[in-house]
């Protein structure tokens, strides 16, 4: 089974359309979105509508839930322009999204638990960075009761395997799906993750779970110039062009 994970679209419609074109070629068995559909760009409604048309199960990112706290006065302020574009129906959808999705697989009597979150199991604003202290990271897994935790938020893709226990160690997989619409790793190309599981997948075999990061190009200039033609800060356009 192949699972595609996309995250941190941030209202970048050209990037999302290119991501789906790439994803369709890989034909995953399931697709999940790890949140932050909106913010930083001018196409929040189009992004939400495209995600919904595809029937993609989605969790709430910190930018998505931010809509709950913004008042009419807030939305009239230029710094909140990206959120002021969100339509009533799209806002209703965003505020209905779950905080996490838990998947349980049973392979040959071996149970594998996957938890999908935006930032971390405890907060959609917490960063699970690749260099996080190993003991602290293992505690995150223990608290979550998960063998695999998949997330976004930092906009930097990685797959880290942590091991614990004596004898045959238990393997825990931390998977950051990167960012579709606002990468921060020095390249403007968007990113999503493909996870492959099969009947032999087990927490006791780190190589039985494979993770591939797919980078795809899109019309960055179209996305950048759309920002420059809007009240949004031009620095956001520069970030798209340079990937930071």
Protein backbone atom coordinates (compact mmCIF):
# COMPACT_ATOMS: atom_id res chain seq x y z
CA UNK A 1 0.00 0.00 0.00
CA UNK A 2 1.27 3.46 -0.90
CA UNK A 3 0.14 6.50 1.06
CA UNK A 4 0.74 10.04 -0.18
CA UNK A 5 1.07 12.84 2.35
CA UNK A 6 0.94 16.50 1.44
CA UNK A 7 1.22 19.41 3.81
CA UNK A 8 1.58 23.19 4.07
CA UNK A 9 -0.01 24.23 0.79
CA UNK A 10 -0.54 27.79 2.05
CA UNK A 11 -3.03 28.87 -0.62
CA UNK A 12 -0.51 28.28 -3.43
CA UNK A 13 -2.84 26.93 -6.12
CA UNK A 14 -0.25 26.48 -8.93
CA UNK A 15 1.87 24.37 -6.57
CA UNK A 16 -1.08 22.23 -5.48
CA UNK A 17 -2.17 21.61 -9.06
CA UNK A 18 1.37 20.53 -9.96
CA UNK A 19 1.51 18.31 -6.87
CA UNK A 20 -1.63 16.50 -7.95
CA UNK A 21 -0.32 16.08 -11.48
CA UNK A 22 2.80 14.46 -10.05
CA UNK A 23 0.83 12.43 -7.53
CA UNK A 24 -1.57 11.09 -10.13
CA UNK A 25 1.39 9.65 -12.03
CA UNK A 26 2.43 7.72 -8.90
CA UNK A 27 -1.16 6.53 -8.29
CA UNK A 28 -1.05 6.17 -4.48
CA UNK A 29 -3.67 4.05 -2.77
CA UNK A 30 -4.55 6.80 -0.29
CA UNK A 31 -3.88 10.52 0.08
CA UNK A 32 -3.94 12.57 3.28
CA UNK A 33 -3.36 16.28 3.85
CA UNK A 34 -1.57 17.37 7.01
CA UNK A 35 -2.97 20.90 7.14
CA UNK A 36 -2.18 24.56 6.55
CA UNK A 37 -4.25 24.93 3.43
CA UNK A 38 -4.33 28.72 3.80
CA UNK A 39 -2.13 31.68 4.66
CA UNK A 40 0.61 33.57 2.78
CA UNK A 41 -1.10 33.54 -0.64
CA UNK A 42 -4.19 34.61 -2.59
CA UNK A 43 -5.90 31.32 -3.48
CA UNK A 44 -7.23 29.91 -0.18
CA UNK A 45 -10.71 29.18 -1.52
CA UNK A 46 -9.47 27.50 -4.69
CA UNK A 47 -7.11 25.31 -2.65
CA UNK A 48 -9.82 24.28 -0.20
CA UNK A 49 -12.24 23.55 -3.04
CA UNK A 50 -9.69 21.40 -4.88
CA UNK A 51 -8.88 19.40 -1.74
CA UNK A 52 -12.60 18.84 -1.15
CA UNK A 53 -13.33 17.87 -4.75
CA UNK A 54 -10.69 15.19 -4.46
CA UNK A 55 -12.20 13.93 -1.22
CA UNK A 56 -8.88 14.09 0.62
CA UNK A 57 -9.01 13.47 4.36
CA UNK A 58 -7.41 16.53 5.95
CA UNK A 59 -6.36 17.67 9.41
CA UNK A 60 -6.21 21.21 10.72
CA UNK A 61 -2.97 23.18 10.62
CA UNK A 62 -2.24 26.18 12.81
CA UNK A 63 -3.08 28.60 9.99
CA UNK A 64 -6.39 26.85 9.38
CA UNK A 65 -7.55 27.09 13.00
CA UNK A 66 -6.36 30.70 13.16
CA UNK A 67 -9.55 31.60 11.27
CA UNK A 68 -11.53 30.93 14.43
CA UNK A 69 -9.82 33.76 16.32
CA UNK A 70 -9.82 36.48 13.67
CA UNK A 71 -12.55 39.09 14.08
CA UNK A 72 -13.98 41.29 11.34
CA UNK A 73 -11.68 44.08 12.58
CA UNK A 74 -8.68 41.75 12.37
CA UNK A 75 -9.54 40.79 8.80
CA UNK A 76 -9.56 44.45 7.75
CA UNK A 77 -5.90 44.78 8.73
CA UNK A 78 -3.38 44.43 5.93
CA UNK A 79 -1.31 41.82 7.81
CA UNK A 80 -4.35 39.53 7.73
CA UNK A 81 -5.10 40.01 4.04
CA UNK A 82 -4.48 36.34 3.18
CA UNK A 83 -7.12 35.30 5.73
CA UNK A 84 -9.62 37.95 4.65
CA UNK A 85 -9.87 36.15 1.30
CA UNK A 86 -11.29 32.98 2.87
CA UNK A 87 -14.95 32.51 2.00
CA UNK A 88 -17.68 31.62 4.48
CA UNK A 89 -18.08 28.03 3.26
CA UNK A 90 -14.32 27.50 3.18
CA UNK A 91 -13.98 28.86 6.71
CA UNK A 92 -16.71 26.51 7.92
CA UNK A 93 -14.83 23.58 6.37
CA UNK A 94 -11.47 24.59 7.87
CA UNK A 95 -12.91 24.92 11.35
CA UNK A 96 -14.47 21.45 11.12
CA UNK A 97 -11.17 19.65 10.48
CA UNK A 98 -9.84 17.15 13.06
CA UNK A 99 -6.61 17.71 14.99
CA UNK A 100 -5.22 14.32 13.99
CA UNK A 101 -5.95 11.10 12.12
CA UNK A 102 -4.89 7.72 13.52
CA UNK A 103 -4.47 4.69 11.26
CA UNK A 104 -3.96 1.14 12.54
CA UNK A 105 -2.62 -1.59 10.28
CA UNK A 106 -2.59 -5.31 11.08
CA UNK A 107 0.04 -7.19 9.08
CA UNK A 108 0.41 -10.91 9.88
CA UNK A 109 -0.76 -10.28 13.46
CA UNK A 110 1.68 -7.38 13.84
CA UNK A 111 0.03 -4.06 14.62
CA UNK A 112 1.43 -0.85 13.17
CA UNK A 113 0.08 2.48 14.41
CA UNK A 114 0.40 5.63 12.31
CA UNK A 115 -0.52 9.06 13.65
CA UNK A 116 -1.04 12.00 11.30
CA UNK A 117 -0.66 15.45 12.87
CA UNK A 118 0.28 18.92 11.68
CA UNK A 119 2.98 20.01 14.12
CA UNK A 120 3.19 17.38 16.87
CA UNK A 121 0.75 15.12 18.72
CA UNK A 122 0.36 17.74 21.43
CA UNK A 123 0.21 20.97 19.42
CA UNK A 124 -0.24 22.12 15.83
CA UNK A 125 2.31 24.84 16.56
CA UNK A 126 5.09 22.62 17.92
CA UNK A 127 8.02 21.81 15.64
CA UNK A 128 9.37 18.26 15.53
CA UNK A 129 12.73 19.08 13.98
CA UNK A 130 15.09 16.47 12.59
CA UNK A 131 17.77 17.15 15.19
CA UNK A 132 15.42 16.85 18.17
CA UNK A 133 17.01 15.10 21.15
CA UNK A 134 16.53 11.34 20.74
CA UNK A 135 15.28 10.71 24.27
CA UNK A 136 12.76 13.52 23.98
CA UNK A 137 11.66 12.30 20.55
CA UNK A 138 11.13 8.76 21.83
CA UNK A 139 8.97 10.17 24.61
CA UNK A 140 6.80 11.86 21.99
CA UNK A 141 6.21 8.45 20.41
CA UNK A 142 5.51 6.82 23.77
CA UNK A 143 2.99 9.50 24.73
CA UNK A 144 1.28 9.23 21.35
CA UNK A 145 1.15 5.44 21.30
CA UNK A 146 2.38 5.45 17.70
CA UNK A 147 5.02 3.63 15.68
CA UNK A 148 4.93 6.25 12.93
CA UNK A 149 4.24 9.96 13.35
CA UNK A 150 3.70 11.95 10.15
CA UNK A 151 3.65 15.73 10.22
CA UNK A 152 4.61 18.98 8.48
CA UNK A 153 4.74 22.52 9.87
CA UNK A 154 8.50 23.14 9.51
CA UNK A 155 8.32 22.94 5.68
CA UNK A 156 11.45 20.75 5.68
CA UNK A 157 11.09 17.10 4.67
CA UNK A 158 12.89 14.30 6.48
CA UNK A 159 12.57 10.68 7.57
CA UNK A 160 14.23 9.76 10.84
CA UNK A 161 14.20 6.30 12.39
CA UNK A 162 14.64 6.02 16.16
CA UNK A 163 15.23 2.72 17.94
CA UNK A 164 14.51 1.66 21.52
CA UNK A 165 14.74 -1.52 23.55
CA UNK A 166 17.19 -4.35 23.96
CA UNK A 167 17.61 -7.38 21.73
CA UNK A 168 15.61 -6.66 18.59
CA UNK A 169 14.86 -2.93 18.95
CA UNK A 170 11.51 -1.36 18.20
CA UNK A 171 11.75 1.18 15.38
CA UNK A 172 9.87 4.45 15.36
CA UNK A 173 9.48 6.50 12.18
CA UNK A 174 9.28 10.31 12.21
CA UNK A 175 8.22 11.56 8.79
CA UNK A 176 7.98 15.21 7.82
CA UNK A 177 6.17 15.52 4.49
CA UNK A 178 7.75 18.89 3.64
CA UNK A 179 5.73 21.63 1.99
CA UNK A 180 3.74 21.69 -1.22
CA UNK A 181 3.38 25.44 -1.49
CA UNK A 182 6.08 27.11 0.62
CA UNK A 183 9.26 25.02 0.93
CA UNK A 184 11.98 26.29 3.25
CA UNK A 185 14.90 24.06 2.31
CA UNK A 186 16.62 26.22 -0.29
CA UNK A 187 14.76 25.02 -3.38
CA UNK A 188 11.48 26.39 -4.75
CA UNK A 189 10.29 22.95 -5.85
CA UNK A 190 7.30 21.64 -3.92
CA UNK A 191 7.45 18.41 -1.96
CA UNK A 192 5.23 15.59 -0.74
CA UNK A 193 5.88 12.15 0.75
CA UNK A 194 5.09 8.63 -0.41
CA UNK A 195 5.05 5.91 2.27
CA UNK A 196 4.97 2.27 1.21
CA UNK A 197 3.74 -0.49 3.51
CA UNK A 198 3.18 -4.17 2.80
CA UNK A 199 2.34 -7.41 4.60
CA UNK A 200 5.88 -7.56 6.00
CA UNK A 201 5.87 -4.06 7.49
CA UNK A 202 6.69 -4.20 11.19
CA UNK A 203 7.94 -1.93 13.99
CA UNK A 204 10.75 -4.47 14.42
CA UNK A 205 12.17 -3.99 10.92
CA UNK A 206 13.15 -0.44 10.01
CA UNK A 207 13.56 -1.32 6.33
CA UNK A 208 10.03 -2.73 6.03
CA UNK A 209 8.65 0.80 5.80
CA UNK A 210 9.91 2.91 2.92
CA UNK A 211 9.57 6.66 2.52
CA UNK A 212 10.18 8.61 -0.68
CA UNK A 213 10.11 12.38 -1.02
CA UNK A 214 8.83 13.59 -4.36
CA UNK A 215 10.00 17.01 -5.51
CA UNK A 216 8.08 18.66 -8.31
CA UNK A 217 8.46 21.90 -10.19
CA UNK A 218 5.61 24.33 -10.76
CA UNK A 219 5.11 27.82 -12.12
CA UNK A 220 6.86 29.62 -9.28
CA UNK A 221 6.89 32.90 -11.18
CA UNK A 222 3.11 32.83 -11.56
CA UNK A 223 2.77 32.31 -7.83
CA UNK A 224 5.34 34.96 -6.96
CA UNK A 225 3.99 37.67 -9.24
CA UNK A 226 0.47 37.05 -7.91
CA UNK A 227 1.77 37.93 -4.46
CA UNK A 228 3.46 41.07 -5.78
CA UNK A 229 0.20 42.16 -7.41
CA UNK A 230 -1.62 41.84 -4.08
CA UNK A 231 -1.39 43.69 -0.73
CA UNK A 232 0.75 40.83 0.62
CA UNK A 233 4.42 41.61 1.42
CA UNK A 234 6.77 41.17 -1.55
CA UNK A 235 9.11 39.23 0.73
CA UNK A 236 6.69 36.31 0.44
CA UNK A 237 7.31 36.25 -3.32
CA UNK A 238 11.06 36.22 -2.74
CA UNK A 239 10.64 33.30 -0.36
CA UNK A 240 8.87 31.28 -3.05
CA UNK A 241 11.55 32.01 -5.62
CA UNK A 242 14.41 31.08 -3.28
CA UNK A 243 12.78 28.44 -1.08
CA UNK A 244 13.31 29.91 2.37
